[in-house]
Amino acid sequence: MASLQKDLEEVKMLLEKASRKRVRDALTAEKTKIETEIKNKMQQKSQRKAEHLDNEKPAAVVAPITTGYTVKISNYGWDQSDKFVKIYITLTGVHQVPTENVQVHFTERSFDLLVKNLNGKSYSMIVNNLLKPISVEGSSKKVKTDTVLILCRKKAENTRWDYLTQVEKECKEKEKPSYDTETDPSEGLMNVLKKIYEDGDDDMKRTINKAWVESREKQAKGDTEF
């Protein structure tokens, strides 16, 4: 992250010195790219922290939406092992209802849960388009204190699910930037400047050289101050 911040500062300094439109456009594009990379890393850090908290308490508190006598379950927690994807649903008192009142139906790419007559209401949860196929025969449910645990048996064991559903995967991928986030931003900046320099005329080369030297001197001065 510190390296990205330094790259961003350097691009900003170059932008201040550059006067040619072509140079400024290229540097502005690079600035946007680095800013996006910083934002993505901050989001990943926040997501890892949230996942850590979820692992400590995987079952989310249910915030049901009531429609008539049936309550749709909208919140849940999930994790996975080599063989199973595990979905945790918190329902206060569910362990006290008869076993036959808790029903789960599985297909290869979905499951639906129905809990009947819990505190005078029914509760349902339907999850379609699971990320990967599951084994219907190997999947099951467990009722624990105030919790329903749904165990989806992976058809392909020892494979990691990054998302629970295909829809979630597609939504997340649409949010990703189009460029390769694995590429070193410093290397990308150097390549951009190199191409501009090679394709530019004498004035453009002088502008880049001057801005580069001044930004390096300013950065070196800043480093010595620490």
Protein backbone atom coordinates (compact mmCIF):
# COMPACT_ATOMS: atom_id res chain seq x y z
CA MET A 1 0.00 0.00 0.00
CA ALA A 2 2.85 2.38 0.84
CA SER A 3 4.42 1.69 -2.55
CA LEU A 4 1.15 2.51 -4.31
CA GLN A 5 0.84 5.78 -2.39
CA LYS A 6 4.35 6.79 -3.49
CA ASP A 7 3.52 5.94 -7.11
CA LEU A 8 0.37 8.05 -6.85
CA GLU A 9 2.30 11.00 -5.42
CA GLU A 10 4.86 10.72 -8.21
CA VAL A 11 2.20 10.67 -10.93
CA LYS A 12 0.58 13.75 -9.37
CA MET A 13 3.93 15.57 -9.41
CA LEU A 14 4.46 14.64 -13.04
CA LEU A 15 0.98 15.89 -13.86
CA GLU A 16 1.81 19.25 -12.30
CA LYS A 17 4.86 19.59 -14.56
CA ALA A 18 3.43 18.18 -17.80
CA SER A 19 1.88 20.62 -20.24
CA ARG A 20 1.33 18.49 -23.34
CA LYS A 21 -2.23 17.11 -23.66
CA ARG A 22 -1.09 13.67 -24.72
CA VAL A 23 1.25 13.38 -21.76
CA ARG A 24 -1.39 14.68 -19.33
CA ASP A 25 -4.00 12.24 -20.68
CA ALA A 26 -1.68 9.28 -20.24
CA LEU A 27 -0.67 10.35 -16.75
CA THR A 28 -4.29 11.01 -15.77
CA ALA A 29 -5.22 7.50 -16.89
CA GLU A 30 -2.35 6.06 -14.87
CA LYS A 31 -3.39 8.13 -11.84
CA THR A 32 -6.93 6.73 -12.06
CA LYS A 33 -5.55 3.20 -12.35
CA ILE A 34 -3.39 3.54 -9.23
CA GLU A 35 -6.21 5.17 -7.25
CA THR A 36 -8.47 2.25 -8.18
CA GLU A 37 -5.80 -0.23 -7.12
CA ILE A 38 -5.49 1.49 -3.73
CA LYS A 39 -9.27 1.45 -3.31
CA ASN A 40 -9.42 -2.27 -4.19
CA LYS A 41 -6.71 -3.16 -1.68
CA MET A 42 -8.52 -1.22 1.04
CA GLN A 43 -11.75 -3.05 0.21
CA GLN A 44 -9.95 -6.41 0.26
CA LYS A 45 -8.49 -5.57 3.66
CA SER A 46 -11.94 -4.66 4.99
CA GLN A 47 -13.43 -7.81 3.47
CA ARG A 48 -10.77 -10.01 5.08
CA LYS A 49 -11.52 -8.40 8.43
CA ALA A 50 -15.26 -8.98 7.96
CA GLU A 51 -14.65 -12.61 6.95
CA HIS A 52 -12.56 -13.12 10.07
CA LEU A 53 -15.43 -11.87 12.20
CA ASP A 54 -17.88 -14.08 10.29
CA ASN A 55 -15.71 -17.14 10.95
CA GLU A 56 -15.84 -16.44 14.67
CA LYS A 57 -19.62 -16.28 14.53
CA PRO A 58 -20.81 -17.73 11.21
CA ALA A 59 -24.51 -17.66 11.97
CA ALA A 60 -25.99 -14.28 11.20
CA VAL A 61 -28.90 -12.89 13.17
CA VAL A 62 -32.06 -13.31 11.15
CA ALA A 63 -33.74 -10.11 10.04
CA PRO A 64 -36.89 -11.61 8.54
CA ILE A 65 -39.25 -9.93 6.12
CA THR A 66 -42.80 -10.90 6.98
CA THR A 67 -45.25 -11.58 4.16
CA GLY A 68 -48.51 -12.91 5.57
CA TYR A 69 -47.90 -16.04 7.64
CA THR A 70 -44.63 -16.89 5.95
CA VAL A 71 -41.38 -15.19 6.90
CA LYS A 72 -38.68 -15.07 4.26
CA ILE A 73 -35.23 -15.59 5.72
CA SER A 74 -32.88 -13.01 4.23
CA ASN A 75 -29.78 -13.25 6.42
CA TYR A 76 -27.47 -16.19 6.94
CA GLY A 77 -23.83 -17.11 7.37
CA TRP A 78 -21.84 -19.68 5.44
CA ASP A 79 -18.45 -21.32 5.32
CA GLN A 80 -16.96 -24.48 3.82
CA SER A 81 -14.78 -27.52 4.32
CA ASP A 82 -13.17 -29.80 1.75
CA LYS A 83 -16.42 -31.76 1.36
CA PHE A 84 -19.23 -29.42 2.37
CA VAL A 85 -20.60 -25.92 1.96
CA LYS A 86 -22.28 -25.06 5.28
CA ILE A 87 -25.12 -22.54 5.60
CA TYR A 88 -26.10 -21.32 9.08
CA ILE A 89 -29.59 -19.90 9.75
CA THR A 90 -30.44 -18.58 13.21
CA LEU A 91 -34.07 -19.16 14.25
CA THR A 92 -34.88 -18.78 17.93
CA GLY A 93 -36.60 -21.90 19.28
CA VAL A 94 -36.22 -23.97 16.10
CA HIS A 95 -34.79 -26.89 18.11
CA GLN A 96 -38.10 -27.16 19.98
CA VAL A 97 -40.33 -27.82 16.94
CA PRO A 98 -40.95 -31.40 15.70
CA THR A 99 -38.24 -32.74 13.37
CA GLU A 100 -40.70 -33.13 10.49
CA ASN A 101 -41.45 -29.38 10.66
CA VAL A 102 -37.97 -28.58 9.37
CA GLN A 103 -37.76 -29.55 5.69
CA VAL A 104 -34.98 -29.00 3.17
CA HIS A 105 -35.22 -29.89 -0.52
CA PHE A 106 -32.02 -30.12 -2.56
CA THR A 107 -31.35 -30.10 -6.29
CA GLU A 108 -27.96 -30.14 -8.00
CA ARG A 109 -27.78 -26.32 -8.02
CA SER A 110 -30.25 -25.18 -5.33
CA PHE A 111 -31.87 -25.80 -1.98
CA ASP A 112 -34.98 -24.54 -0.19
CA LEU A 113 -35.68 -24.59 3.52
CA LEU A 114 -39.14 -24.56 5.08
CA VAL A 115 -39.70 -24.41 8.84
CA LYS A 116 -43.36 -24.91 9.76
CA ASN A 117 -45.23 -23.61 12.79
CA LEU A 118 -42.41 -21.92 14.66
CA ASN A 119 -44.00 -19.46 17.09
CA GLY A 120 -47.13 -19.46 14.94
CA LYS A 121 -45.34 -18.70 11.67
CA SER A 122 -43.59 -20.52 8.85
CA TYR A 123 -40.09 -19.57 7.71
CA SER A 124 -38.69 -20.14 4.24
CA MET A 125 -35.38 -19.68 2.46
CA ILE A 126 -34.72 -20.47 -1.21
CA VAL A 127 -31.24 -20.33 -2.73
CA ASN A 128 -30.99 -20.96 -6.48
CA ASN A 129 -28.03 -21.03 -8.87
CA LEU A 130 -25.44 -22.35 -6.44
CA LEU A 131 -21.92 -21.62 -7.62
CA LYS A 132 -21.14 -25.28 -8.31
CA PRO A 133 -23.06 -28.57 -8.42
CA ILE A 134 -23.81 -30.41 -5.18
CA SER A 135 -24.64 -34.02 -4.44
CA VAL A 136 -28.34 -34.25 -3.61
CA GLU A 137 -27.93 -37.61 -1.86
CA GLY A 138 -24.95 -36.43 0.19
CA SER A 139 -26.55 -33.18 1.35
CA SER A 140 -28.46 -32.88 4.61
CA LYS A 141 -29.57 -30.64 7.46
CA LYS A 142 -28.92 -30.48 11.19
CA VAL A 143 -31.04 -28.70 13.78
CA LYS A 144 -29.12 -27.30 16.72
CA THR A 145 -30.02 -24.87 19.49
CA ASP A 146 -31.68 -21.87 17.75
CA THR A 147 -29.87 -22.81 14.52
CA VAL A 148 -30.51 -24.75 11.31
CA LEU A 149 -27.33 -25.99 9.63
CA ILE A 150 -27.64 -26.91 5.96
CA LEU A 151 -24.85 -29.12 4.62
CA CYS A 152 -24.43 -29.05 0.83
CA ARG A 153 -22.11 -31.88 -0.22
CA LYS A 154 -19.71 -30.71 -2.93
CA LYS A 155 -19.74 -32.85 -6.06
CA ALA A 156 -16.12 -31.86 -6.62
CA GLU A 157 -14.40 -32.25 -3.28
CA ASN A 158 -11.35 -30.19 -2.30
CA THR A 159 -12.47 -27.32 -4.50
CA ARG A 160 -12.94 -23.85 -3.04
CA TRP A 161 -16.13 -21.85 -3.45
CA ASP A 162 -15.36 -18.13 -3.57
CA TYR A 163 -19.08 -17.34 -3.62
CA LEU A 164 -22.24 -19.17 -2.60
CA THR A 165 -24.18 -18.46 -5.81
CA GLN A 166 -23.45 -17.77 -9.46
CA VAL A 167 -25.37 -14.49 -9.22
CA GLU A 168 -23.12 -13.28 -6.40
CA LYS A 169 -20.04 -14.18 -8.45
CA GLU A 170 -21.29 -12.26 -11.50
CA CYS A 171 -22.14 -9.19 -9.41
CA LYS A 172 -18.70 -9.15 -7.80
CA GLU A 173 -16.89 -9.62 -11.11
CA LYS A 174 -18.76 -6.68 -12.64
CA GLU A 175 -17.37 -4.50 -9.86
CA LYS A 176 -13.78 -5.47 -10.70
CA PRO A 177 -11.73 -3.05 -12.84
CA SER A 178 -11.02 -4.12 -16.41
CA TYR A 179 -7.25 -4.00 -16.05
CA ASP A 180 -5.11 -6.71 -14.50
CA THR A 181 -4.96 -6.03 -10.77
CA GLU A 182 -1.99 -8.36 -10.41
CA THR A 183 0.21 -6.10 -12.48
CA ASP A 184 2.67 -3.99 -10.51
CA PRO A 185 1.42 -0.37 -10.77
CA SER A 186 5.01 0.90 -10.73
CA GLU A 187 5.81 -1.21 -13.76
CA GLY A 188 2.66 0.05 -15.49
CA LEU A 189 3.65 3.68 -14.87
CA MET A 190 7.13 3.11 -16.26
CA ASN A 191 5.71 1.46 -19.39
CA VAL A 192 3.29 4.34 -19.97
CA LEU A 193 6.02 6.97 -19.64
CA LYS A 194 8.40 4.94 -21.78
CA LYS A 195 5.85 4.66 -24.59
CA ILE A 196 5.04 8.37 -24.46
CA TYR A 197 8.75 9.20 -24.53
CA GLU A 198 9.48 6.87 -27.45
CA ASP A 199 6.53 8.13 -29.51
CA GLY A 200 6.92 11.80 -28.63
CA ASP A 201 8.69 14.65 -30.38
CA ASP A 202 11.64 16.57 -28.92
CA ASP A 203 9.41 18.96 -26.94
CA MET A 204 7.53 16.07 -25.38
CA LYS A 205 10.77 14.28 -24.46
CA ARG A 206 12.16 17.44 -22.86
CA THR A 207 8.93 17.88 -20.89
CA ILE A 208 9.02 14.32 -19.59
CA ASN A 209 12.72 14.48 -18.75
CA LYS A 210 12.31 17.74 -16.85
CA ALA A 211 9.24 16.55 -14.93
CA TRP A 212 10.87 13.22 -14.13
CA VAL A 213 14.07 14.75 -12.79
CA GLU A 214 12.21 17.31 -10.69
CA SER A 215 9.85 14.72 -9.24
CA ARG A 216 12.77 12.44 -8.37
CA GLU A 217 14.62 15.29 -6.71
CA LYS A 218 11.52 16.24 -4.73
CA GLN A 219 10.95 12.63 -3.70
CA ALA A 220 14.60 12.18 -2.68
CA LYS A 221 14.42 15.35 -0.61
CA GLY A 222 11.29 14.10 1.09
CA ASP A 223 12.93 10.74 1.90
CA THR A 224 15.96 12.41 3.50
CA GLU A 225 13.68 14.47 5.74
CA PHE A 226 12.52 11.32 7.45
